[in-house]
C-alpha atoms as a PDB file:
ATOM      1  CA  MET A   1       7.302   4.033   0.270  1.00  0.00           C
ATOM      2  CA  SER A   2       9.761   6.008  -1.525  1.00  0.00           C
ATOM      3  CA  GLU A   3      12.013   3.897  -3.448  1.00  0.00           C
ATOM      4  CA  LYS A   4      10.946   2.745  -6.399  1.00  0.00           C
ATOM      5  CA  ILE A   5      11.331  -1.208  -7.602  1.00  0.00           C
ATOM      6  CA  LEU A   6      11.878  -1.671 -11.570  1.00  0.00           C
ATOM      7  CA  PHE A   7      10.114  -5.213 -12.698  1.00  0.00           C
ATOM      8  CA  VAL A   8      11.893  -6.300 -15.944  1.00  0.00           C
ATOM      9  CA  ASP A   9      10.042  -9.444 -18.070  1.00  0.00           C
ATOM     10  CA  ASP A  10       9.186  -9.669 -21.216  1.00  0.00           C
ATOM     11  CA  ASP A  11       5.670 -11.368 -20.491  1.00  0.00           C
ATOM     12  CA  PRO A  12       2.956  -8.580 -20.124  1.00  0.00           C
ATOM     13  CA  ASN A  13       0.904 -11.305 -17.421  1.00  0.00           C
ATOM     14  CA  ILE A  14       3.624 -11.511 -15.342  1.00  0.00           C
ATOM     15  CA  LEU A  15       4.160  -8.126 -15.543  1.00  0.00           C
ATOM     16  CA  ALA A  16       0.140  -7.863 -14.604  1.00  0.00           C
ATOM     17  CA  ALA A  17       0.928  -9.949 -11.760  1.00  0.00           C
ATOM     18  CA  TYR A  18       3.353  -8.064  -9.817  1.00  0.00           C
ATOM     19  CA  GLN A  19       1.169  -4.792 -10.031  1.00  0.00           C
ATOM     20  CA  ARG A  20      -1.893  -6.175  -8.549  1.00  0.00           C
ATOM     21  CA  GLN A  21       0.393  -8.054  -5.816  1.00  0.00           C
ATOM     22  CA  LEU A  22       2.583  -5.072  -4.840  1.00  0.00           C
ATOM     23  CA  ARG A  23       1.325  -1.579  -5.713  1.00  0.00           C
ATOM     24  CA  ARG A  24       0.123  -1.522  -2.250  1.00  0.00           C
ATOM     25  CA  ARG A  25       3.044  -1.716  -0.255  1.00  0.00           C
ATOM     26  CA  LEU A  26       5.994  -0.697  -3.045  1.00  0.00           C
ATOM     27  CA  ASN A  27       6.650   1.859  -5.311  1.00  0.00           C
ATOM     28  CA  ILE A  28       6.654  -0.368  -8.471  1.00  0.00           C
ATOM     29  CA  GLU A  29       7.545   0.799 -11.532  1.00  0.00           C
ATOM     30  CA  VAL A  30       7.555  -2.206 -14.917  1.00  0.00           C
ATOM     31  CA  ALA A  31       8.964  -2.363 -17.822  1.00  0.00           C
ATOM     32  CA  PRO A  32       8.561  -4.846 -20.978  1.00  0.00           C
ATOM     33  CA  ASP A  33      12.242  -5.476 -21.904  1.00  0.00           C
ATOM     34  CA  ALA A  34      15.834  -4.560 -21.415  1.00  0.00           C
ATOM     35  CA  GLU A  35      15.373  -1.407 -23.592  1.00  0.00           C
ATOM     36  CA  ALA A  36      12.688   0.047 -21.912  1.00  0.00           C
ATOM     37  CA  ALA A  37      14.544  -0.676 -18.602  1.00  0.00           C
ATOM     38  CA  LEU A  38      17.131   1.454 -19.552  1.00  0.00           C
ATOM     39  CA  LYS A  39      15.280   4.414 -20.513  1.00  0.00           C
ATOM     40  CA  LEU A  40      13.065   3.923 -17.248  1.00  0.00           C
ATOM     41  CA  LEU A  41      16.880   3.677 -15.025  1.00  0.00           C
ATOM     42  CA  ARG A  42      18.011   6.462 -16.814  1.00  0.00           C
ATOM     43  CA  THR A  43      15.279   9.138 -16.841  1.00  0.00           C
ATOM     44  CA  ASN A  44      13.364   7.877 -14.153  1.00  0.00           C
ATOM     45  CA  GLY A  45      15.921   6.952 -11.831  1.00  0.00           C
ATOM     46  CA  PRO A  46      17.033   5.989  -9.529  1.00  0.00           C
ATOM     47  CA  TYR A  47      15.585   3.064  -8.462  1.00  0.00           C
ATOM     48  CA  ALA A  48      16.520   0.765  -5.404  1.00  0.00           C
ATOM     49  CA  ILE A  49      16.204  -2.143  -6.842  1.00  0.00           C
ATOM     50  CA  ILE A  50      15.317  -4.108 -10.574  1.00  0.00           C
ATOM     51  CA  VAL A  51      14.075  -7.293 -10.324  1.00  0.00           C
ATOM     52  CA  THR A  52      14.596  -9.124 -14.103  1.00  0.00           C
ATOM     53  CA  ASP A  53      13.956 -12.024 -15.828  1.00  0.00           C
ATOM     54  CA  LEU A  54      16.407 -13.898 -17.052  1.00  0.00           C
ATOM     55  CA  ARG A  55      15.406 -14.887 -20.939  1.00  0.00           C
ATOM     56  CA  MET A  56      14.154 -12.046 -23.136  1.00  0.00           C
ATOM     57  CA  PRO A  57      14.173 -11.370 -26.842  1.00  0.00           C
ATOM     58  CA  ARG A  58      17.474  -9.359 -27.641  1.00  0.00           C
ATOM     59  CA  THR A  59      18.557  -8.072 -24.093  1.00  0.00           C
ATOM     60  CA  ASP A  60      19.055 -10.982 -21.991  1.00  0.00           C
ATOM     61  CA  GLY A  61      18.967  -9.949 -18.173  1.00  0.00           C
ATOM     62  CA  ILE A  62      22.511 -11.022 -18.056  1.00  0.00           C
ATOM     63  CA  GLN A  63      23.489  -7.992 -20.400  1.00  0.00           C
ATOM     64  CA  LEU A  64      20.433  -5.533 -18.903  1.00  0.00           C
ATOM     65  CA  LEU A  65      22.018  -5.924 -15.399  1.00  0.00           C
ATOM     66  CA  MET A  66      25.217  -5.181 -16.693  1.00  0.00           C
ATOM     67  CA  LYS A  67      24.304  -1.764 -18.268  1.00  0.00           C
ATOM     68  CA  ALA A  68      22.217  -1.159 -15.181  1.00  0.00           C
ATOM     69  CA  ARG A  69      25.218  -1.322 -13.193  1.00  0.00           C
ATOM     70  CA  GLU A  70      26.721   0.666 -15.390  1.00  0.00           C
ATOM     71  CA  ILE A  71      23.861   3.837 -15.334  1.00  0.00           C
ATOM     72  CA  ALA A  72      22.562   2.885 -11.616  1.00  0.00           C
ATOM     73  CA  PRO A  73      26.092   0.983  -9.411  1.00  0.00           C
ATOM     74  CA  GLN A  74      24.191   1.742  -6.318  1.00  0.00           C
ATOM     75  CA  THR A  75      20.320   0.127  -7.297  1.00  0.00           C
ATOM     76  CA  VAL A  76      20.668  -3.615  -6.040  1.00  0.00           C
ATOM     77  CA  ARG A  77      19.944  -6.423  -8.814  1.00  0.00           C
ATOM     78  CA  ILE A  78      17.917  -9.433  -8.659  1.00  0.00           C
ATOM     79  CA  MET A  79      17.455 -11.634 -11.326  1.00  0.00           C
ATOM     80  CA  LEU A  80      14.236 -14.404 -12.346  1.00  0.00           C
ATOM     81  CA  SER A  81      14.649 -17.014 -13.936  1.00  0.00           C
ATOM     82  CA  GLY A  82      12.254 -19.876 -15.240  1.00  0.00           C
ATOM     83  CA  SER A  83      14.829 -22.210 -16.016  1.00  0.00           C
ATOM     84  CA  PRO A  84      17.463 -23.524 -13.222  1.00  0.00           C
ATOM     85  CA  ASP A  85      20.289 -23.119 -15.243  1.00  0.00           C
ATOM     86  CA  GLN A  86      23.530 -23.414 -13.157  1.00  0.00           C
ATOM     87  CA  ARG A  87      25.651 -22.180 -16.008  1.00  0.00           C
ATOM     88  CA  ALA A  88      23.579 -19.065 -16.168  1.00  0.00           C
ATOM     89  CA  ALA A  89      22.796 -18.539 -12.457  1.00  0.00           C
ATOM     90  CA  ILE A  90      26.790 -18.866 -12.247  1.00  0.00           C
ATOM     91  CA  GLU A  91      26.537 -15.620 -15.270  1.00  0.00           C
ATOM     92  CA  ALA A  92      24.396 -13.555 -14.146  1.00  0.00           C
ATOM     93  CA  ILE A  93      26.057 -13.713 -10.790  1.00  0.00           C
ATOM     94  CA  ASN A  94      29.388 -12.591 -12.016  1.00  0.00           C
ATOM     95  CA  GLU A  95      28.813 -10.456 -15.090  1.00  0.00           C
ATOM     96  CA  GLY A  96      25.804  -9.479 -13.983  1.00  0.00           C
ATOM     97  CA  ASN A  97      26.997  -8.505 -10.055  1.00  0.00           C
ATOM     98  CA  ILE A  98      23.601  -9.656  -8.985  1.00  0.00           C
ATOM     99  CA  PHE A  99      22.363  -9.669  -5.487  1.00  0.00           C
ATOM    100  CA  ARG A 100      20.055 -12.508  -5.217  1.00  0.00           C
ATOM    101  CA  PHE A 101      19.322 -14.803  -8.084  1.00  0.00           C
ATOM    102  CA  LEU A 102      15.487 -16.578  -7.764  1.00  0.00           C
ATOM    103  CA  THR A 103      13.605 -19.386 -10.318  1.00  0.00           C
ATOM    104  CA  LYS A 104      10.134 -19.242 -11.185  1.00  0.00           C
ATOM    105  CA  PRO A 105       7.755 -19.672 -10.015  1.00  0.00           C
ATOM    106  CA  CYS A 106       9.240 -18.071  -6.942  1.00  0.00           C
ATOM    107  CA  LEU A 107       6.666 -18.567  -3.954  1.00  0.00           C
ATOM    108  CA  PRO A 108       5.438 -15.285  -2.684  1.00  0.00           C
ATOM    109  CA  ASP A 109       7.018 -15.365   0.738  1.00  0.00           C
ATOM    110  CA  ALA A 110      10.682 -16.132  -0.563  1.00  0.00           C
ATOM    111  CA  PHE A 111      10.270 -12.986  -3.160  1.00  0.00           C
ATOM    112  CA  ALA A 112       8.877 -10.587  -0.395  1.00  0.00           C
ATOM    113  CA  ARG A 113      11.807 -11.664   1.674  1.00  0.00           C
ATOM    114  CA  ALA A 114      13.616 -11.316  -1.144  1.00  0.00           C
ATOM    115  CA  ILE A 115      12.703  -7.561  -1.758  1.00  0.00           C
ATOM    116  CA  GLU A 116      12.927  -6.972   1.605  1.00  0.00           C
ATOM    117  CA  ALA A 117      16.985  -7.927   1.772  1.00  0.00           C
ATOM    118  CA  GLY A 118      17.258  -5.924  -1.462  1.00  0.00           C
ATOM    119  CA  LEU A 119      15.891  -3.056  -0.018  1.00  0.00           C
ATOM    120  CA  GLU A 120      17.824  -3.090   2.999  1.00  0.00           C
ATOM    121  CA  GLN A 121      20.910  -3.349   0.890  1.00  0.00           C
ATOM    122  CA  TYR A 122      20.071  -0.629  -0.837  1.00  0.00           C
ATOM    123  CA  LYS A 123      19.312   1.953   2.322  1.00  0.00           C
ATOM    124  CA  LEU A 124      22.778   0.294   3.576  1.00  0.00           C
ATOM    125  CA  VAL A 125      24.619   1.377   0.193  1.00  0.00           C
ATOM    126  CA  MET A 126      22.811   4.744  -0.144  1.00  0.00           C
ATOM    127  CA  ALA A 127      23.820   5.417   3.446  1.00  0.00           C
ATOM    128  CA  GLU A 128      27.547   4.298   2.737  1.00  0.00           C
ATOM    129  CA  ARG A 129      27.957   6.579   0.153  1.00  0.00           C
ATOM    130  CA  GLU A 130      26.164   9.181   2.236  1.00  0.00           C
ATOM    131  CA  LEU A 131      29.175   8.886   4.722  1.00  0.00           C
ATOM    132  CA  LEU A 132      31.682   9.343   2.075  1.00  0.00           C
END
């Protein structure tokens, strides 16, 4: 449980749900917006995974993930969206270089599989980095 996961969403109820459901199994931190998330990435990192909502005020999830990639390129990026907008998904994949794009509401099993796959990806990236 050493790898940290950062959840970013402007809905405090969703952040509380993540904490309730996952805190026993995962080391998680939450941020209510992109600015707070970027601050945490700089001060509390490294994070294995950042999971962010697509639509947030001021800075959207795509912009957040682009900046997160600059700060912490090894962090695995996962996007959640309440609207399965194909254009937004393509932009998130191309610009944010995301690992997974999930739609809300995301079934718990699918969400857990995405997190597990993200943790495995992070371990691979870190092992490769260590070898080099």
